[in-house]
Amino acid sequence: MLTALAIQNIVLIDQLSLEFQRGLSVLTGETGAGKSILLDSLGLVTGERADSGLVRAGSAGGSVTAEFDIPDSHPVHALLAEQGLADEGRELRLRRQLGTDGRSRAFVNDQPVGVGLLARIGGLLVEIHGQQGQLGLLNPANHRALLDAFGGLLPQVGAVQSAYQTFREVQAAVDAARERLAKARADEDYLRHAADELSALDPKPGEEADLAESRTLMMHGEQIATELTEALAAVSGDGGAEAGLRVALRRLERVVEKAGGRLDPVIEALNRGFTEIEEASRSLEGVARDLEFDPRLLERAEERLFALRAAARKHGCAVEELPAVRDALIEQLQALETGEQGLMGLETALKQAVADYSAKAEALGAARAGAAVRLDAAVMAELPPLKLERATFRTAVTRLPRDRWASHGADEVQFEVSTNPGSAMGPLSKIASGGELSRFALALKVVLAEADSPTTLIFDEIDQGVGGAVAAAVGERLARLSDGAQVLVVTHSPQVAARGGAHLRVGKTVEGDVTLTRVESLAPDERREEIARMLAGAMITDEARAAATRLLEGAEG
């Protein structure tokens, strides 16, 4: 609830500090005394649009500070945590500074914040119903949640939210699978052709290096063969090394016995050399056979190597990677078949999820329709005492098409009214006039007290244009509403003023050549005098004082 309001240099207020209590507080005063300044100040500090015209003439700037006492369970704590703002428990301070250029600065618990965040916090704390506009429950965006809370439907709403989340998750999976499958189908001809082409080519790991080496050898095969022939001739042909060694051995063997053993090492060395030469000759012959030049083999090797390299360029990879590319293409084709099966399974799951959500949403819609009937009856019962006996109130519950399904269900909820018999029903905020709108808001607030109870409710001249029994009915309902919430009401009605637990009087004073607005809290005797003034006008009579006393006693009773 609002506990204190401090205003500096706003319109006709130079400096003002007010304290508030629980229950119903009334603000009275003559027309033009400055009651609207208090509401403008409270609107400013809770995030409404700033206007440089609010700054008191001659001042460099103005400011408003509001202090609140909020319970631990209040949703504003979650918002503070979400925004990383310091939470001081039950105490909360909002402050707005306004310059003559229209620029403003906002603070929450003395921490600077944006005006948008200030408005979000203020919206959770204060709800204003005035002649210029209605907030809170008169906003169509809030009607569904209010109906659900009134009807005790929150468990069903939770079940619908869970079913909706499942439905959306499966829908997303289906969409992704369809996209993948469509892309795969679009590429299927290419994938199949490329896979068949690589499968026919059948590339092997290391094949490029082997082919390149063989090609190089075959390209130089004729030259290598010539040199091998010459080398073989030098080793084993006529006049070659092998023949020379044979001649040397024969000559030494003729004189070996005469040399007294001195030739034995030489003969052994020549025998070893002869053996090595024989082995070298055989090796040369083998190499010559292996490197026998065949132009057809070279052509086939070059064709194979060129085919592998062309495939690698086509697929943008190295020749060594072609086997992996082929395998990947085959896997994509296989995935196309399994993807179709997977999509069928997901589509079946989607049908089940849609059916589950639709069933739960339909049941919730039926429950909302039932709650709407009860809400309409309760609100209609409140209208005659508020001089709205010719009006009709209706809660319209409309089924939404599938493309507008949401986590809260498949229904749109809107409060509608008709202010005169035979006139068309329409949105509450557009059909009713200012005074009617405030009284509709009061009737709704009384009925929805347990379902919708913000910290502080403010009604600005809700009694405009009514008097007598209707004003008394308005006061009685405001008092009833204040049992569960803090209520502040700006009023010209003595019947409403008599219901207040606290009474503030707003008036103007002239100090020197400056006009200022002052607010004072009235004691019981002062309060009776103010209500008598409201009854009698400028000349307060004993009859007016007696009537004020009866009003106060009746309100207490």
Protein backbone atom coordinates (compact mmCIF):
# COMPACT_ATOMS: atom_id res chain seq x y z
CA MET A 1 0.00 0.00 0.00
CA LEU A 2 0.99 3.66 -0.42
CA THR A 3 2.37 4.93 2.88
CA ALA A 4 3.79 8.36 2.01
CA LEU A 5 3.86 10.87 -0.82
CA ALA A 6 6.32 13.79 -1.00
CA ILE A 7 5.84 16.47 -3.66
CA GLN A 8 8.16 19.37 -4.46
CA ASN A 9 7.51 22.16 -6.96
CA ILE A 10 4.67 20.53 -8.87
CA VAL A 11 2.10 23.05 -10.26
CA LEU A 12 0.81 24.91 -7.19
CA ILE A 13 2.56 22.73 -4.62
CA ASP A 14 5.90 24.00 -3.36
CA GLN A 15 6.49 21.30 -0.78
CA LEU A 16 4.08 18.72 0.58
CA SER A 17 4.44 15.52 2.60
CA LEU A 18 1.48 13.21 3.14
CA GLU A 19 1.07 9.96 5.00
CA PHE A 20 -1.57 7.39 4.16
CA GLN A 21 -3.15 4.49 6.00
CA ARG A 22 -4.98 1.31 5.09
CA GLY A 23 -8.66 1.34 4.29
CA LEU A 24 -10.56 4.16 2.62
CA SER A 25 -9.06 7.67 2.46
CA VAL A 26 -11.09 10.53 0.98
CA LEU A 27 -9.80 13.76 -0.52
CA THR A 28 -12.19 16.68 -0.67
CA GLY A 29 -12.02 20.37 -1.47
CA GLU A 30 -13.60 23.00 -3.62
CA THR A 31 -13.35 22.76 -7.40
CA GLY A 32 -9.97 24.05 -8.55
CA ALA A 33 -8.36 23.59 -5.16
CA GLY A 34 -5.74 21.28 -6.60
CA LYS A 35 -6.99 17.76 -6.00
CA SER A 36 -6.00 16.79 -9.52
CA ILE A 37 -2.42 17.88 -8.76
CA LEU A 38 -2.14 15.04 -6.27
CA LEU A 39 -3.32 12.53 -8.87
CA ASP A 40 -0.99 14.00 -11.51
CA SER A 41 1.87 13.72 -9.05
CA LEU A 42 1.05 10.14 -8.24
CA GLY A 43 0.74 9.35 -11.94
CA LEU A 44 4.13 10.96 -12.58
CA VAL A 45 5.89 8.90 -9.93
CA THR A 46 4.32 5.66 -11.18
CA GLY A 47 5.51 6.12 -14.74
CA GLU A 48 2.96 8.20 -16.61
CA ARG A 49 4.09 10.58 -19.35
CA ALA A 50 6.02 13.59 -18.07
CA ASP A 51 4.88 17.11 -18.95
CA SER A 52 7.05 20.16 -18.32
CA GLY A 53 3.85 22.06 -17.48
CA LEU A 54 3.76 20.20 -14.16
CA VAL A 55 6.85 22.07 -12.91
CA ARG A 56 5.89 24.98 -10.62
CA ALA A 57 6.49 28.36 -12.20
CA GLY A 58 9.83 29.82 -11.21
CA SER A 59 11.32 26.46 -10.18
CA ALA A 60 14.24 24.72 -11.84
CA GLY A 61 12.47 21.39 -11.57
CA GLY A 62 10.05 19.30 -9.57
CA SER A 63 10.08 15.90 -7.95
CA VAL A 64 7.69 13.34 -6.48
CA THR A 65 8.60 10.50 -4.12
CA ALA A 66 6.20 7.69 -3.19
CA GLU A 67 6.83 5.10 -0.50
CA PHE A 68 5.04 1.76 -0.37
CA ASP A 69 4.67 -1.09 2.08
CA ILE A 70 4.41 -4.28 0.03
CA PRO A 71 3.90 -7.85 1.28
CA ASP A 72 6.53 -10.52 0.65
CA SER A 73 4.26 -12.28 -1.84
CA HIS A 74 3.75 -9.22 -4.03
CA PRO A 75 4.78 -9.74 -7.71
CA VAL A 76 6.86 -6.55 -7.65
CA HIS A 77 9.59 -8.50 -5.81
CA ALA A 78 9.97 -10.84 -8.78
CA LEU A 79 10.18 -7.88 -11.15
CA LEU A 80 12.89 -6.24 -9.03
CA ALA A 81 14.89 -9.48 -9.03
CA GLU A 82 14.44 -9.89 -12.78
CA GLN A 83 15.83 -6.38 -13.37
CA GLY A 84 18.71 -6.78 -10.88
CA LEU A 85 17.43 -4.04 -8.59
CA ALA A 86 18.00 -3.96 -4.84
CA ASP A 87 15.00 -5.24 -2.89
CA GLU A 88 14.57 -3.70 0.56
CA GLY A 89 11.88 -6.09 1.69
CA ARG A 90 8.52 -4.53 2.46
CA GLU A 91 9.75 -0.97 1.80
CA LEU A 92 9.78 0.37 -1.75
CA ARG A 93 10.56 3.93 -2.86
CA LEU A 94 9.73 5.39 -6.26
CA ARG A 95 11.08 8.81 -7.25
CA ARG A 96 10.68 10.92 -10.38
CA GLN A 97 12.49 14.18 -11.08
CA LEU A 98 11.12 16.49 -13.79
CA GLY A 99 12.91 19.39 -15.46
CA THR A 100 11.48 22.47 -17.14
CA ASP A 101 12.54 20.98 -20.49
CA GLY A 102 10.19 18.03 -19.96
CA ARG A 103 13.01 15.55 -19.37
CA SER A 104 12.75 13.32 -16.34
CA ARG A 105 14.78 10.87 -14.32
CA ALA A 106 13.34 7.86 -12.49
CA PHE A 107 14.60 5.98 -9.44
CA VAL A 108 13.56 2.79 -7.64
CA ASN A 109 15.02 2.40 -4.17
CA ASP A 110 17.39 5.25 -5.13
CA GLN A 111 18.67 3.31 -8.17
CA PRO A 112 18.25 4.97 -11.58
CA VAL A 113 15.87 3.15 -13.93
CA GLY A 114 14.14 3.79 -17.25
CA VAL A 115 10.66 5.28 -17.25
CA GLY A 116 9.33 2.13 -18.92
CA LEU A 117 10.44 0.00 -15.97
CA LEU A 118 9.07 2.59 -13.54
CA ALA A 119 5.70 2.29 -15.28
CA ARG A 120 5.79 -1.52 -15.02
CA ILE A 121 6.49 -1.33 -11.30
CA GLY A 122 3.93 1.43 -10.79
CA GLY A 123 1.31 -0.61 -12.63
CA LEU A 124 1.73 -3.40 -10.08
CA LEU A 125 1.29 -1.00 -7.18
CA VAL A 126 -1.33 1.58 -8.14
CA GLU A 127 -4.47 1.47 -10.26
CA ILE A 128 -6.12 4.77 -11.13
CA HIS A 129 -9.72 5.15 -12.27
CA GLY A 130 -10.35 8.70 -13.36
CA GLN A 131 -12.44 10.87 -15.63
CA GLN A 132 -9.72 10.96 -18.28
CA GLY A 133 -8.97 7.29 -18.49
CA GLN A 134 -9.23 3.90 -16.89
CA LEU A 135 -6.43 1.46 -16.22
CA GLY A 136 -6.12 -2.06 -14.90
CA LEU A 137 -9.29 -4.10 -15.13
CA LEU A 138 -10.72 -1.89 -17.89
CA ASN A 139 -7.85 -2.83 -20.19
CA PRO A 140 -9.12 -5.65 -22.49
CA ALA A 141 -5.71 -7.31 -22.28
CA ASN A 142 -6.44 -8.09 -18.61
CA HIS A 143 -9.99 -9.40 -18.94
CA ARG A 144 -9.12 -13.05 -19.57
CA ALA A 145 -6.85 -13.29 -16.52
CA LEU A 146 -9.48 -11.57 -14.36
CA LEU A 147 -12.17 -14.00 -15.49
CA ASP A 148 -9.88 -16.98 -14.84
CA ALA A 149 -9.08 -15.75 -11.33
CA PHE A 150 -12.75 -15.04 -10.60
CA GLY A 151 -13.79 -18.50 -11.82
CA GLY A 152 -10.99 -20.34 -9.98
CA LEU A 153 -9.70 -21.63 -13.32
CA LEU A 154 -5.96 -21.22 -12.74
CA PRO A 155 -5.29 -25.01 -12.45
CA GLN A 156 -6.99 -25.55 -15.81
CA VAL A 157 -5.01 -22.67 -17.28
CA GLY A 158 -1.82 -24.35 -16.06
CA ALA A 159 -2.78 -27.61 -17.77
CA VAL A 160 -3.49 -25.74 -21.02
CA GLN A 161 -0.13 -23.96 -20.77
CA SER A 162 1.65 -27.30 -20.41
CA ALA A 163 -0.25 -28.80 -23.36
CA TYR A 164 0.50 -25.69 -25.43
CA GLN A 165 4.22 -25.94 -24.70
CA THR A 166 4.23 -29.59 -25.82
CA PHE A 167 2.22 -28.70 -28.93
CA ARG A 168 4.64 -25.89 -29.86
CA GLU A 169 7.72 -28.05 -29.27
CA VAL A 170 6.37 -30.86 -31.47
CA GLN A 171 5.26 -28.32 -34.09
CA ALA A 172 8.79 -26.89 -34.17
CA ALA A 173 10.25 -30.39 -34.58
CA VAL A 174 7.83 -31.12 -37.44
CA ASP A 175 8.67 -27.84 -39.17
CA ALA A 176 12.40 -28.53 -38.89
CA ALA A 177 11.99 -32.10 -40.18
CA ARG A 178 9.88 -30.91 -43.11
CA GLU A 179 12.49 -28.31 -44.00
CA ARG A 180 15.30 -30.85 -43.89
CA LEU A 181 13.30 -33.34 -45.93
CA ALA A 182 12.31 -30.74 -48.52
CA LYS A 183 15.95 -29.76 -48.97
CA ALA A 184 16.99 -33.41 -49.25
CA ARG A 185 14.25 -34.09 -51.80
CA ALA A 186 15.29 -31.08 -53.83
CA ASP A 187 18.86 -32.46 -53.92
CA GLU A 188 17.87 -36.10 -54.30
CA ASP A 189 18.64 -36.39 -58.04
CA TYR A 190 22.03 -34.80 -57.59
CA LEU A 191 22.81 -36.91 -54.52
CA ARG A 192 21.87 -40.11 -56.30
CA HIS A 193 23.85 -39.24 -59.44
CA ALA A 194 26.91 -38.17 -57.46
CA ALA A 195 26.78 -41.26 -55.24
CA ASP A 196 26.44 -43.58 -58.25
CA GLU A 197 29.28 -41.79 -60.03
CA LEU A 198 31.66 -42.12 -57.09
CA SER A 199 30.59 -45.69 -56.43
CA ALA A 200 31.43 -46.56 -60.04
CA LEU A 201 34.77 -44.77 -59.76
CA ASP A 202 35.41 -46.64 -56.51
CA PRO A 203 38.34 -44.53 -55.22
CA LYS A 204 40.79 -46.29 -52.87
CA PRO A 205 42.86 -44.78 -50.05
CA GLY A 206 46.43 -44.04 -51.26
CA GLU A 207 45.53 -44.73 -54.87
CA GLU A 208 46.56 -41.31 -56.19
CA ALA A 209 50.11 -41.63 -54.86
CA ASP A 210 50.52 -45.14 -56.29
CA LEU A 211 49.20 -44.10 -59.70
CA ALA A 212 51.38 -40.99 -59.79
CA GLU A 213 54.48 -43.05 -59.04
CA SER A 214 53.65 -45.72 -61.64
CA ARG A 215 52.90 -43.03 -64.24
CA THR A 216 56.21 -41.35 -63.61
CA LEU A 217 58.08 -44.66 -64.02
CA MET A 218 56.21 -45.56 -67.18
CA MET A 219 56.73 -42.13 -68.71
CA HIS A 220 60.52 -42.67 -68.33
CA GLY A 221 60.37 -46.41 -69.06
CA GLU A 222 62.21 -46.32 -72.44
CA GLN A 223 65.14 -44.35 -71.09
CA ILE A 224 65.35 -46.54 -67.99
CA ALA A 225 65.24 -49.71 -70.16
CA THR A 226 68.13 -48.50 -72.35
CA GLU A 227 70.29 -47.69 -69.38
CA LEU A 228 69.45 -51.01 -67.76
CA THR A 229 70.53 -52.85 -70.94
CA GLU A 230 73.81 -50.97 -71.05
CA ALA A 231 74.38 -51.64 -67.35
CA LEU A 232 73.63 -55.33 -67.80
CA ALA A 233 76.04 -55.49 -70.72
CA ALA A 234 78.73 -53.80 -68.65
CA VAL A 235 78.26 -56.33 -65.88
CA SER A 236 77.65 -59.61 -67.67
CA GLY A 237 78.00 -59.09 -71.41
CA ASP A 238 81.00 -59.86 -73.61
CA GLY A 239 83.92 -57.84 -72.29
CA GLY A 240 81.96 -57.01 -69.16
CA ALA A 241 82.98 -57.25 -65.54
CA GLU A 242 81.86 -60.83 -65.17
CA ALA A 243 84.03 -61.97 -68.13
CA GLY A 244 87.02 -60.04 -66.82
CA LEU A 245 86.75 -61.68 -63.44
CA ARG A 246 86.62 -65.15 -65.07
CA VAL A 247 89.83 -64.40 -67.00
CA ALA A 248 91.58 -63.12 -63.88
CA LEU A 249 90.62 -66.19 -61.87
CA ARG A 250 91.83 -68.62 -64.57
CA ARG A 251 95.22 -66.93 -64.79
CA LEU A 252 95.77 -66.82 -61.03
CA GLU A 253 94.72 -70.44 -60.57
CA ARG A 254 97.59 -71.47 -62.92
CA VAL A 255 100.21 -70.08 -60.55
CA VAL A 256 98.54 -70.40 -57.18
CA GLU A 257 100.60 -73.37 -56.01
CA LYS A 258 103.82 -71.65 -57.02
CA ALA A 259 102.98 -68.48 -55.05
CA GLY A 260 103.24 -70.14 -51.65
CA GLY A 261 99.75 -69.14 -50.48
CA ARG A 262 100.20 -65.47 -51.15
CA LEU A 263 97.44 -65.48 -53.83
CA ASP A 264 94.79 -67.17 -51.70
CA PRO A 265 93.27 -63.89 -50.31
CA VAL A 266 93.17 -62.42 -53.80
CA ILE A 267 91.42 -65.46 -55.25
CA GLU A 268 88.86 -65.40 -52.40
CA ALA A 269 88.15 -61.73 -53.05
CA LEU A 270 87.74 -62.38 -56.78
CA ASN A 271 85.34 -65.25 -56.04
CA ARG A 272 83.25 -62.97 -53.81
CA GLY A 273 83.22 -60.31 -56.46
CA PHE A 274 82.15 -62.85 -59.05
CA THR A 275 79.25 -63.90 -56.81
CA GLU A 276 78.15 -60.25 -56.24
CA ILE A 277 78.33 -59.53 -59.95
CA GLU A 278 76.16 -62.58 -60.69
CA GLU A 279 73.56 -61.35 -58.15
CA ALA A 280 73.66 -57.81 -59.57
CA SER A 281 73.18 -59.22 -63.05
CA ARG A 282 70.14 -61.21 -61.99
CA SER A 283 68.68 -58.12 -60.24
CA LEU A 284 69.20 -55.99 -63.33
CA GLU A 285 67.46 -58.59 -65.44
CA GLY A 286 64.50 -58.66 -63.00
CA VAL A 287 64.17 -54.87 -62.95
CA ALA A 288 64.33 -54.76 -66.72
CA ARG A 289 61.51 -57.29 -66.96
CA ASP A 290 59.37 -55.33 -64.42
CA LEU A 291 59.92 -52.03 -66.18
CA GLU A 292 59.09 -53.33 -69.57
CA PHE A 293 57.44 -50.30 -71.28
CA ASP A 294 53.79 -50.77 -72.37
CA PRO A 295 52.05 -47.61 -73.75
CA ARG A 296 48.61 -49.10 -73.00
CA LEU A 297 49.44 -49.40 -69.29
CA LEU A 298 50.56 -45.76 -69.20
CA GLU A 299 47.34 -44.64 -70.91
CA ARG A 300 45.17 -46.55 -68.46
CA ALA A 301 47.10 -45.17 -65.46
CA GLU A 302 46.77 -41.60 -66.74
CA GLU A 303 43.06 -41.99 -67.42
CA ARG A 304 42.48 -43.31 -63.90
CA LEU A 305 44.55 -40.56 -62.28
CA PHE A 306 42.83 -37.82 -64.29
CA ALA A 307 39.38 -39.26 -63.45
CA LEU A 308 40.15 -39.26 -59.72
CA ARG A 309 41.46 -35.68 -59.79
CA ALA A 310 38.45 -34.45 -61.83
CA ALA A 311 36.08 -36.00 -59.25
CA ALA A 312 38.01 -34.33 -56.45
CA ARG A 313 37.68 -30.91 -58.13
CA LYS A 314 33.97 -31.47 -58.67
CA HIS A 315 33.36 -32.19 -55.00
CA GLY A 316 35.83 -29.59 -53.76
CA CYS A 317 38.05 -32.00 -51.88
CA ALA A 318 41.35 -33.86 -52.07
CA VAL A 319 41.51 -37.17 -53.94
CA GLU A 320 42.20 -38.88 -50.61
CA GLU A 321 38.81 -37.62 -49.34
CA LEU A 322 36.74 -39.05 -52.19
CA PRO A 323 35.89 -42.32 -50.35
CA ALA A 324 34.53 -40.31 -47.41
CA VAL A 325 32.53 -38.05 -49.77
CA ARG A 326 31.00 -41.11 -51.43
CA ASP A 327 30.05 -42.58 -48.04
CA ALA A 328 28.49 -39.26 -46.95
CA LEU A 329 26.37 -39.07 -50.10
CA ILE A 330 25.13 -42.59 -49.52
CA GLU A 331 24.27 -41.71 -45.91
CA GLN A 332 22.28 -38.66 -47.08
CA LEU A 333 20.26 -40.82 -49.42
CA GLN A 334 19.61 -43.29 -46.62
CA ALA A 335 18.66 -40.38 -44.31
CA LEU A 336 16.10 -39.29 -46.90
CA GLU A 337 14.32 -42.59 -46.50
CA THR A 338 14.58 -42.61 -42.70
CA GLY A 339 13.64 -38.89 -42.64
CA GLU A 340 10.34 -39.63 -44.30
CA GLN A 341 9.64 -42.28 -41.69
CA GLY A 342 10.69 -39.90 -38.89
CA LEU A 343 8.48 -37.13 -40.25
CA MET A 344 5.51 -39.47 -40.29
CA GLY A 345 6.17 -40.26 -36.62
CA LEU A 346 6.47 -36.56 -35.73
CA GLU A 347 3.28 -35.71 -37.59
CA THR A 348 1.46 -38.39 -35.64
CA ALA A 349 2.84 -36.93 -32.40
CA LEU A 350 1.73 -33.46 -33.56
CA LYS A 351 -1.82 -34.65 -34.16
CA GLN A 352 -1.86 -36.09 -30.65
CA ALA A 353 -0.43 -32.86 -29.16
CA VAL A 354 -2.97 -30.72 -31.04
CA ALA A 355 -5.81 -32.97 -29.93
CA ASP A 356 -4.63 -32.82 -26.32
CA TYR A 357 -4.29 -29.03 -26.37
CA SER A 358 -7.60 -28.60 -28.18
CA ALA A 359 -9.43 -30.80 -25.67
CA LYS A 360 -7.96 -28.96 -22.68
CA ALA A 361 -8.51 -25.56 -24.29
CA GLU A 362 -12.10 -26.46 -25.14
CA ALA A 363 -12.75 -27.57 -21.57
CA LEU A 364 -11.18 -24.33 -20.32
CA GLY A 365 -13.35 -22.36 -22.75
CA ALA A 366 -16.47 -24.06 -21.45
CA ALA A 367 -15.41 -23.30 -17.88
CA ARG A 368 -14.78 -19.68 -18.85
CA ALA A 369 -18.24 -19.45 -20.38
CA GLY A 370 -19.72 -20.71 -17.11
CA ALA A 371 -17.63 -18.29 -15.06
CA ALA A 372 -18.66 -15.47 -17.39
CA VAL A 373 -22.33 -16.15 -16.65
CA ARG A 374 -21.64 -15.97 -12.91
CA LEU A 375 -19.53 -12.82 -13.29
CA ASP A 376 -22.21 -11.13 -15.39
CA ALA A 377 -24.86 -11.89 -12.81
CA ALA A 378 -22.72 -10.58 -9.96
CA VAL A 379 -21.85 -7.34 -11.78
CA MET A 380 -25.46 -6.80 -12.90
CA ALA A 381 -26.55 -7.04 -9.28
CA GLU A 382 -24.18 -4.18 -8.41
CA LEU A 383 -25.36 -1.82 -11.18
CA PRO A 384 -28.86 -0.64 -10.05
CA PRO A 385 -27.67 0.91 -6.77
CA LEU A 386 -25.03 2.79 -8.79
CA LYS A 387 -27.67 4.38 -11.05
CA LEU A 388 -26.80 2.01 -13.86
CA GLU A 389 -30.05 0.07 -13.73
CA ARG A 390 -30.62 0.55 -17.46
CA ALA A 391 -27.19 -0.77 -18.33
CA THR A 392 -26.22 -4.29 -19.32
CA PHE A 393 -22.88 -5.91 -18.62
CA ARG A 394 -21.61 -8.95 -20.52
CA THR A 395 -18.42 -10.96 -20.54
CA ALA A 396 -17.87 -12.03 -24.15
CA VAL A 397 -15.90 -15.27 -24.53
CA THR A 398 -14.93 -15.82 -28.18
CA ARG A 399 -13.28 -18.94 -29.60
CA LEU A 400 -10.10 -18.12 -31.54
CA PRO A 401 -8.88 -19.80 -34.76
CA ARG A 402 -5.89 -22.12 -34.57
CA ASP A 403 -3.42 -19.48 -35.75
CA ARG A 404 -4.26 -17.45 -32.64
CA TRP A 405 -4.03 -20.25 -30.09
CA ALA A 406 -1.83 -19.29 -27.19
CA SER A 407 -0.51 -20.60 -23.89
CA HIS A 408 -3.55 -19.20 -22.06
CA GLY A 409 -5.98 -21.07 -24.29
CA ALA A 410 -8.06 -20.56 -27.41
CA ASP A 411 -10.40 -17.85 -26.12
CA GLU A 412 -10.58 -14.07 -26.27
CA VAL A 413 -12.31 -12.44 -23.31
CA GLN A 414 -13.69 -8.91 -23.28
CA PHE A 415 -15.96 -7.00 -20.96
CA GLU A 416 -18.79 -5.34 -22.91
CA VAL A 417 -21.60 -3.00 -21.89
CA SER A 418 -24.72 -1.38 -23.20
CA THR A 419 -25.72 1.72 -21.26
CA ASN A 420 -29.29 1.92 -22.56
CA PRO A 421 -31.88 -0.69 -23.50
CA GLY A 422 -31.79 -1.50 -27.20
CA SER A 423 -28.31 -0.04 -27.80
CA ALA A 424 -25.58 -2.31 -29.10
CA MET A 425 -23.08 -3.95 -26.80
CA GLY A 426 -19.53 -2.67 -27.11
CA PRO A 427 -16.18 -2.56 -25.32
CA LEU A 428 -16.50 -1.19 -21.81
CA SER A 429 -13.82 1.47 -22.28
CA LYS A 430 -15.48 2.86 -25.45
CA ILE A 431 -19.20 2.75 -24.65
CA ALA A 432 -19.44 4.18 -21.15
CA SER A 433 -19.00 7.88 -20.32
CA GLY A 434 -16.49 9.05 -17.73
CA GLY A 435 -18.80 8.89 -14.71
CA GLU A 436 -20.41 5.66 -15.88
CA LEU A 437 -17.03 4.15 -16.53
CA SER A 438 -15.87 4.82 -12.99
CA ARG A 439 -19.02 3.25 -11.57
CA PHE A 440 -18.67 0.22 -13.84
CA ALA A 441 -15.09 -0.03 -12.60
CA LEU A 442 -16.30 0.13 -9.01
CA ALA A 443 -18.89 -2.60 -9.61
CA LEU A 444 -16.26 -4.80 -11.22
CA LYS A 445 -13.78 -4.10 -8.47
CA VAL A 446 -16.27 -5.10 -5.80
CA VAL A 447 -17.11 -8.35 -7.59
CA LEU A 448 -13.47 -9.11 -8.46
CA ALA A 449 -12.04 -8.01 -5.11
CA GLU A 450 -10.49 -11.40 -4.35
CA ALA A 451 -9.39 -12.07 -7.93
CA ASP A 452 -7.81 -8.65 -8.54
CA SER A 453 -6.52 -6.67 -5.61
CA PRO A 454 -3.63 -4.31 -6.44
CA THR A 455 -1.87 -2.54 -3.61
CA THR A 456 -3.62 0.82 -4.04
CA LEU A 457 -6.84 1.79 -5.87
CA ILE A 458 -7.57 5.42 -6.70
CA PHE A 459 -10.96 6.70 -7.87
CA ASP A 460 -11.21 10.24 -9.18
CA GLU A 461 -14.71 11.75 -8.77
CA ILE A 462 -16.41 8.39 -9.23
CA ASP A 463 -19.56 10.04 -7.85
CA GLN A 464 -19.76 12.69 -10.57
CA GLY A 465 -23.35 13.42 -11.56
CA VAL A 466 -24.95 11.34 -8.82
CA GLY A 467 -26.20 12.09 -5.35
CA GLY A 468 -28.42 10.91 -2.56
CA ALA A 469 -28.95 7.16 -2.44
CA VAL A 470 -26.66 6.52 -5.42
CA ALA A 471 -23.80 8.41 -3.80
CA ALA A 472 -24.43 6.48 -0.59
CA ALA A 473 -24.27 3.22 -2.59
CA VAL A 474 -20.99 4.33 -4.12
CA GLY A 475 -19.59 5.12 -0.67
CA GLU A 476 -20.77 1.80 0.75
CA ARG A 477 -19.05 -0.12 -2.06
CA LEU A 478 -15.85 1.86 -1.75
CA ALA A 479 -15.79 1.08 1.96
CA ARG A 480 -16.43 -2.59 1.24
CA LEU A 481 -13.65 -2.61 -1.33
CA SER A 482 -11.25 -1.03 1.14
CA ASP A 483 -11.56 -4.08 3.41
CA GLY A 484 -9.14 -5.88 1.08
CA ALA A 485 -7.19 -3.04 -0.49
CA GLN A 486 -6.12 0.52 0.13
CA VAL A 487 -8.59 2.88 -1.57
CA LEU A 488 -8.13 6.61 -2.19
CA VAL A 489 -11.08 8.56 -3.59
CA VAL A 490 -11.36 12.17 -4.75
CA THR A 491 -14.97 13.13 -4.12
CA HIS A 492 -17.49 15.96 -4.02
CA SER A 493 -20.09 13.74 -2.40
CA PRO A 494 -20.69 14.05 1.36
CA GLN A 495 -22.14 10.53 1.40
CA VAL A 496 -18.85 9.17 0.04
CA ALA A 497 -16.70 11.42 2.22
CA ALA A 498 -18.50 10.18 5.34
CA ARG A 499 -17.31 6.64 4.60
CA GLY A 500 -13.62 7.50 4.77
CA GLY A 501 -11.40 6.17 7.48
CA ALA A 502 -9.11 9.14 6.85
CA HIS A 503 -10.07 12.51 5.44
CA LEU A 504 -7.72 14.92 3.60
CA ARG A 505 -8.85 18.41 2.59
CA VAL A 506 -7.24 20.14 -0.36
CA GLY A 507 -7.33 23.93 -0.53
CA LYS A 508 -5.59 26.99 -1.92
CA THR A 509 -3.84 29.70 0.04
CA VAL A 510 -2.23 32.95 -1.07
CA GLU A 511 1.10 33.71 0.55
CA GLY A 512 2.29 37.11 -0.56
CA ASP A 513 1.72 37.12 -4.29
CA VAL A 514 2.02 33.33 -4.66
CA THR A 515 -0.91 30.90 -4.79
CA LEU A 516 -0.17 27.52 -3.23
CA THR A 517 -2.07 24.29 -2.76
CA ARG A 518 -2.14 22.89 0.76
CA VAL A 519 -3.42 19.55 2.07
CA GLU A 520 -4.39 18.96 5.67
CA SER A 521 -5.53 15.86 7.53
CA LEU A 522 -8.83 16.54 9.29
CA ALA A 523 -9.63 15.74 12.88
CA PRO A 524 -13.17 14.42 13.67
CA ASP A 525 -14.65 17.89 14.33
CA GLU A 526 -12.96 19.36 11.27
CA ARG A 527 -14.19 16.45 9.23
CA ARG A 528 -17.81 17.08 10.28
CA GLU A 529 -17.41 20.74 9.31
CA GLU A 530 -16.01 19.80 5.88
CA ILE A 531 -18.89 17.39 5.19
CA ALA A 532 -21.34 20.09 6.31
CA ARG A 533 -19.71 22.49 3.81
CA MET A 534 -20.12 19.86 1.09
CA LEU A 535 -23.81 19.62 2.00
CA ALA A 536 -24.61 23.32 2.42
CA GLY A 537 -22.10 25.20 0.29
CA ALA A 538 -20.43 28.45 1.38
CA MET A 539 -22.86 29.14 4.25
CA ILE A 540 -22.68 26.26 6.72
CA THR A 541 -25.87 25.95 8.76
CA ASP A 542 -26.69 24.03 11.90
CA GLU A 543 -28.93 21.82 9.80
CA ALA A 544 -25.99 20.99 7.58
CA ARG A 545 -23.85 20.15 10.61
CA ALA A 546 -26.62 17.92 11.95
CA ALA A 547 -26.90 16.18 8.60
CA ALA A 548 -23.13 15.70 8.50
CA THR A 549 -23.25 14.15 11.95
CA ARG A 550 -25.95 11.73 10.82
CA LEU A 551 -23.91 10.77 7.76
CA LEU A 552 -20.84 10.09 9.87
CA GLU A 553 -22.78 8.10 12.42
CA GLY A 554 -24.50 6.13 9.67
CA ALA A 555 -21.17 5.34 8.06
CA GLU A 556 -19.74 4.15 11.38
CA GLY A 557 -22.82 2.04 12.04
